[in-house]
Amino acid sequence: MLGVGAALLSAAAAAIVWRGGGESAHAPAALVVALAVLHSAMTTKAAPTMFRQKEILENEPALSRLFDRFARWQAYRCAFQLANFAALLWLWATAFDAAV
């Protein structure tokens, strides 16, 4: 629920600034939405991978492979989330600049 809420809030912030921030806000607003969607897409891959650990608790090599796969998806998620944070800062700066 938290992940979906964060993506929706990012999209809402982008939409608000898109309307009121002028053309200079369009690029960061679009980037914010795209990165939020990509982060959510990576979550749809990472979460089921992690939930499979219950099925293979006794199989250490398989569990190790599963953790490696999850770590890869988690790294993608982290990269998109950090990029989204930077894009939100850019969006905020653009909105602030347009308001002044």
N, C-alpha and C. Protein backbone atom coordinates (compact mmCIF):
# COMPACT_ATOMS: atom_id res chain seq x y z
N MET A 1 0.82 -1.19 0.00
CA MET A 1 0.00 0.00 0.00
C MET A 1 0.87 1.26 0.00
N LEU A 2 1.96 1.21 0.75
CA LEU A 2 2.84 2.38 0.83
C LEU A 2 3.45 2.70 -0.53
N GLY A 3 3.88 1.66 -1.25
CA GLY A 3 4.49 1.87 -2.56
C GLY A 3 3.53 2.48 -3.56
N VAL A 4 2.30 1.98 -3.56
CA VAL A 4 1.28 2.52 -4.47
C VAL A 4 0.96 3.96 -4.09
N GLY A 5 0.86 4.21 -2.79
CA GLY A 5 0.58 5.57 -2.34
C GLY A 5 1.67 6.55 -2.73
N ALA A 6 2.92 6.12 -2.60
CA ALA A 6 4.04 6.99 -2.98
C ALA A 6 4.01 7.29 -4.47
N ALA A 7 3.72 6.28 -5.28
CA ALA A 7 3.65 6.49 -6.73
C ALA A 7 2.50 7.44 -7.07
N LEU A 8 1.36 7.27 -6.41
CA LEU A 8 0.22 8.15 -6.67
C LEU A 8 0.51 9.59 -6.23
N LEU A 9 1.17 9.74 -5.10
CA LEU A 9 1.52 11.09 -4.64
C LEU A 9 2.53 11.75 -5.59
N SER A 10 3.47 10.97 -6.08
CA SER A 10 4.43 11.51 -7.06
C SER A 10 3.70 11.97 -8.32
N ALA A 11 2.77 11.14 -8.79
CA ALA A 11 2.01 11.49 -9.99
C ALA A 11 1.14 12.72 -9.74
N ALA A 12 0.54 12.81 -8.55
CA ALA A 12 -0.29 13.97 -8.23
C ALA A 12 0.55 15.24 -8.17
N ALA A 13 1.71 15.16 -7.54
CA ALA A 13 2.60 16.33 -7.47
C ALA A 13 3.03 16.75 -8.87
N ALA A 14 3.36 15.78 -9.70
CA ALA A 14 3.76 16.08 -11.07
C ALA A 14 2.62 16.74 -11.85
N ALA A 15 1.40 16.23 -11.67
CA ALA A 15 0.25 16.80 -12.38
C ALA A 15 -0.02 18.24 -11.93
N ILE A 16 0.09 18.49 -10.64
CA ILE A 16 -0.15 19.84 -10.13
C ILE A 16 0.89 20.81 -10.68
N VAL A 17 2.14 20.41 -10.65
CA VAL A 17 3.20 21.30 -11.14
C VAL A 17 3.13 21.42 -12.66
N TRP A 18 2.74 20.35 -13.35
CA TRP A 18 2.61 20.39 -14.82
C TRP A 18 1.63 21.49 -15.21
N ARG A 19 0.52 21.57 -14.50
CA ARG A 19 -0.52 22.56 -14.83
C ARG A 19 -0.11 23.97 -14.47
N GLY A 20 0.53 24.14 -13.33
CA GLY A 20 0.81 25.49 -12.86
C GLY A 20 2.24 25.95 -12.99
N GLY A 21 3.13 25.07 -13.40
CA GLY A 21 4.55 25.41 -13.39
C GLY A 21 5.12 25.89 -14.69
N GLY A 22 4.32 25.94 -15.72
CA GLY A 22 4.84 26.36 -17.02
C GLY A 22 5.56 25.23 -17.73
N GLU A 23 6.05 25.54 -18.92
CA GLU A 23 6.69 24.52 -19.74
C GLU A 23 7.98 23.98 -19.14
N SER A 24 8.65 24.76 -18.32
CA SER A 24 9.90 24.30 -17.72
C SER A 24 9.65 23.16 -16.74
N ALA A 25 8.42 22.99 -16.29
CA ALA A 25 8.09 21.92 -15.35
C ALA A 25 7.72 20.62 -16.04
N HIS A 26 7.52 20.64 -17.34
CA HIS A 26 7.05 19.44 -18.04
C HIS A 26 8.06 18.30 -18.01
N ALA A 27 9.32 18.60 -18.23
CA ALA A 27 10.33 17.53 -18.24
C ALA A 27 10.48 16.87 -16.88
N PRO A 28 10.67 17.63 -15.79
CA PRO A 28 10.78 16.95 -14.50
C PRO A 28 9.49 16.25 -14.08
N ALA A 29 8.34 16.81 -14.45
CA ALA A 29 7.07 16.17 -14.10
C ALA A 29 6.92 14.83 -14.81
N ALA A 30 7.25 14.79 -16.08
CA ALA A 30 7.16 13.53 -16.83
C ALA A 30 8.16 12.51 -16.29
N LEU A 31 9.34 12.98 -15.94
CA LEU A 31 10.36 12.08 -15.39
C LEU A 31 9.92 11.50 -14.06
N VAL A 32 9.32 12.32 -13.21
CA VAL A 32 8.83 11.84 -11.91
C VAL A 32 7.82 10.71 -12.10
N VAL A 33 6.88 10.91 -13.00
CA VAL A 33 5.86 9.89 -13.23
C VAL A 33 6.49 8.62 -13.81
N ALA A 34 7.37 8.77 -14.78
CA ALA A 34 8.01 7.60 -15.40
C ALA A 34 8.82 6.80 -14.37
N LEU A 35 9.57 7.49 -13.54
CA LEU A 35 10.39 6.79 -12.55
C LEU A 35 9.53 6.13 -11.48
N ALA A 36 8.43 6.74 -11.10
CA ALA A 36 7.52 6.12 -10.13
C ALA A 36 6.92 4.84 -10.71
N VAL A 37 6.56 4.87 -11.98
CA VAL A 37 6.01 3.67 -12.63
C VAL A 37 7.07 2.59 -12.74
N LEU A 38 8.29 2.97 -13.10
CA LEU A 38 9.36 1.98 -13.21
C LEU A 38 9.70 1.37 -11.85
N HIS A 39 9.69 2.17 -10.80
CA HIS A 39 9.94 1.64 -9.46
C HIS A 39 8.86 0.64 -9.09
N SER A 40 7.62 0.97 -9.38
CA SER A 40 6.52 0.04 -9.09
C SER A 40 6.63 -1.24 -9.92
N ALA A 41 7.06 -1.10 -11.16
CA ALA A 41 7.23 -2.28 -12.00
C ALA A 41 8.32 -3.20 -11.45
N MET A 42 9.39 -2.63 -10.96
CA MET A 42 10.45 -3.44 -10.36
C MET A 42 9.96 -4.13 -9.09
N THR A 43 9.08 -3.47 -8.36
CA THR A 43 8.51 -4.07 -7.15
C THR A 43 7.68 -5.29 -7.50
N THR A 44 6.98 -5.24 -8.63
CA THR A 44 6.17 -6.40 -9.03
C THR A 44 7.04 -7.61 -9.36
N LYS A 45 8.30 -7.39 -9.62
CA LYS A 45 9.24 -8.50 -9.85
C LYS A 45 9.93 -8.92 -8.56
N ALA A 46 10.30 -7.94 -7.73
CA ALA A 46 11.06 -8.24 -6.51
C ALA A 46 10.22 -8.93 -5.45
N ALA A 47 9.02 -8.45 -5.23
CA ALA A 47 8.20 -8.99 -4.13
C ALA A 47 7.88 -10.47 -4.30
N PRO A 48 7.38 -10.91 -5.45
CA PRO A 48 7.10 -12.35 -5.58
C PRO A 48 8.36 -13.21 -5.45
N THR A 49 9.48 -12.66 -5.90
CA THR A 49 10.74 -13.40 -5.76
C THR A 49 11.04 -13.65 -4.29
N MET A 50 10.88 -12.64 -3.49
CA MET A 50 11.17 -12.79 -2.06
C MET A 50 10.17 -13.70 -1.36
N PHE A 51 8.91 -13.65 -1.78
CA PHE A 51 7.90 -14.49 -1.15
C PHE A 51 8.12 -15.97 -1.41
N ARG A 52 8.89 -16.31 -2.45
CA ARG A 52 9.16 -17.72 -2.77
C ARG A 52 10.10 -18.40 -1.79
N GLN A 53 10.74 -17.63 -0.91
CA GLN A 53 11.70 -18.23 0.00
C GLN A 53 11.07 -19.28 0.90
N LYS A 54 9.80 -19.13 1.23
CA LYS A 54 9.12 -20.10 2.09
C LYS A 54 9.07 -21.49 1.45
N GLU A 55 9.03 -21.52 0.13
CA GLU A 55 8.92 -22.79 -0.59
C GLU A 55 10.23 -23.56 -0.60
N ILE A 56 11.35 -22.87 -0.41
CA ILE A 56 12.66 -23.53 -0.58
C ILE A 56 13.57 -23.34 0.63
N LEU A 57 13.01 -23.20 1.79
CA LEU A 57 13.81 -22.93 2.99
C LEU A 57 14.86 -24.00 3.25
N GLU A 58 14.59 -25.22 2.91
CA GLU A 58 15.51 -26.32 3.19
C GLU A 58 16.58 -26.51 2.11
N ASN A 59 16.43 -25.84 0.99
CA ASN A 59 17.35 -26.00 -0.13
C ASN A 59 18.27 -24.76 -0.19
N GLU A 60 19.43 -24.88 0.46
CA GLU A 60 20.31 -23.72 0.57
C GLU A 60 20.82 -23.18 -0.77
N PRO A 61 21.24 -24.02 -1.72
CA PRO A 61 21.68 -23.46 -3.01
C PRO A 61 20.56 -22.71 -3.74
N ALA A 62 19.36 -23.27 -3.71
CA ALA A 62 18.23 -22.60 -4.36
C ALA A 62 17.88 -21.30 -3.64
N LEU A 63 17.98 -21.32 -2.33
CA LEU A 63 17.70 -20.13 -1.54
C LEU A 63 18.73 -19.04 -1.84
N SER A 64 19.97 -19.43 -2.00
CA SER A 64 21.03 -18.47 -2.34
C SER A 64 20.76 -17.84 -3.70
N ARG A 65 20.36 -18.65 -4.67
CA ARG A 65 20.03 -18.11 -6.00
C ARG A 65 18.83 -17.15 -5.93
N LEU A 66 17.85 -17.53 -5.11
CA LEU A 66 16.69 -16.67 -4.94
C LEU A 66 17.08 -15.32 -4.32
N PHE A 67 17.93 -15.35 -3.31
CA PHE A 67 18.38 -14.10 -2.69
C PHE A 67 19.18 -13.25 -3.68
N ASP A 68 19.99 -13.90 -4.51
CA ASP A 68 20.74 -13.16 -5.53
C ASP A 68 19.78 -12.49 -6.53
N ARG A 69 18.75 -13.22 -6.94
CA ARG A 69 17.77 -12.67 -7.86
C ARG A 69 17.03 -11.48 -7.21
N PHE A 70 16.65 -11.67 -5.94
CA PHE A 70 15.98 -10.57 -5.24
C PHE A 70 16.90 -9.36 -5.11
N ALA A 71 18.15 -9.59 -4.81
CA ALA A 71 19.11 -8.48 -4.66
C ALA A 71 19.23 -7.70 -5.97
N ARG A 72 19.20 -8.40 -7.09
CA ARG A 72 19.27 -7.72 -8.39
C ARG A 72 18.04 -6.83 -8.59
N TRP A 73 16.84 -7.38 -8.35
CA TRP A 73 15.62 -6.59 -8.51
C TRP A 73 15.59 -5.43 -7.50
N GLN A 74 16.06 -5.69 -6.30
CA GLN A 74 16.09 -4.65 -5.28
C GLN A 74 17.04 -3.52 -5.67
N ALA A 75 18.15 -3.86 -6.31
CA ALA A 75 19.09 -2.83 -6.77
C ALA A 75 18.43 -1.95 -7.83
N TYR A 76 17.68 -2.56 -8.73
CA TYR A 76 16.94 -1.77 -9.73
C TYR A 76 15.92 -0.86 -9.04
N ARG A 77 15.19 -1.42 -8.09
CA ARG A 77 14.19 -0.64 -7.35
C ARG A 77 14.86 0.55 -6.67
N CYS A 78 15.97 0.30 -6.03
CA CYS A 78 16.69 1.36 -5.31
C CYS A 78 17.15 2.44 -6.27
N ALA A 79 17.68 2.04 -7.41
CA ALA A 79 18.15 3.02 -8.39
C ALA A 79 17.00 3.89 -8.89
N PHE A 80 15.87 3.27 -9.19
CA PHE A 80 14.72 4.05 -9.66
C PHE A 80 14.16 4.95 -8.55
N GLN A 81 14.17 4.47 -7.33
CA GLN A 81 13.66 5.27 -6.23
C GLN A 81 14.57 6.48 -5.97
N LEU A 82 15.87 6.27 -6.00
CA LEU A 82 16.79 7.40 -5.82
C LEU A 82 16.69 8.40 -6.97
N ALA A 83 16.56 7.88 -8.18
CA ALA A 83 16.39 8.77 -9.33
C ALA A 83 15.08 9.53 -9.23
N ASN A 84 14.04 8.87 -8.73
CA ASN A 84 12.75 9.53 -8.55
C ASN A 84 12.86 10.64 -7.51
N PHE A 85 13.61 10.39 -6.44
CA PHE A 85 13.81 11.43 -5.43
C PHE A 85 14.52 12.64 -6.04
N ALA A 86 15.55 12.39 -6.82
CA ALA A 86 16.26 13.49 -7.48
C ALA A 86 15.33 14.24 -8.43
N ALA A 87 14.50 13.50 -9.17
CA ALA A 87 13.56 14.14 -10.09
C ALA A 87 12.52 14.96 -9.32
N LEU A 88 12.09 14.46 -8.16
CA LEU A 88 11.15 15.23 -7.34
C LEU A 88 11.78 16.52 -6.83
N LEU A 89 13.06 16.46 -6.48
CA LEU A 89 13.76 17.68 -6.08
C LEU A 89 13.83 18.68 -7.23
N TRP A 90 14.11 18.16 -8.42
CA TRP A 90 14.16 19.00 -9.62
C TRP A 90 12.78 19.61 -9.88
N LEU A 91 11.75 18.78 -9.73
CA LEU A 91 10.38 19.26 -9.92
C LEU A 91 10.05 20.35 -8.90
N TRP A 92 10.42 20.13 -7.66
CA TRP A 92 10.17 21.10 -6.61
C TRP A 92 10.89 22.41 -6.90
N ALA A 93 12.15 22.30 -7.31
CA ALA A 93 12.93 23.50 -7.63
C ALA A 93 12.31 24.25 -8.81
N THR A 94 11.83 23.52 -9.79
CA THR A 94 11.19 24.15 -10.94
C THR A 94 9.89 24.84 -10.54
N ALA A 95 9.11 24.17 -9.69
CA ALA A 95 7.85 24.76 -9.23
C ALA A 95 8.12 26.00 -8.38
N PHE A 96 9.12 25.93 -7.54
CA PHE A 96 9.47 27.07 -6.69
C PHE A 96 9.95 28.23 -7.54
N ASP A 97 10.77 27.93 -8.53
CA ASP A 97 11.29 28.96 -9.42
C ASP A 97 10.17 29.64 -10.21
N ALA A 98 9.17 28.85 -10.63
CA ALA A 98 8.05 29.41 -11.38
C ALA A 98 7.16 30.27 -10.50
N ALA A 99 7.11 29.94 -9.21
CA ALA A 99 6.25 30.68 -8.29
C ALA A 99 6.86 32.01 -7.88
N VAL A 100 8.17 32.12 -8.01
CA VAL A 100 8.84 33.35 -7.55
C VAL A 100 8.85 34.40 -8.63
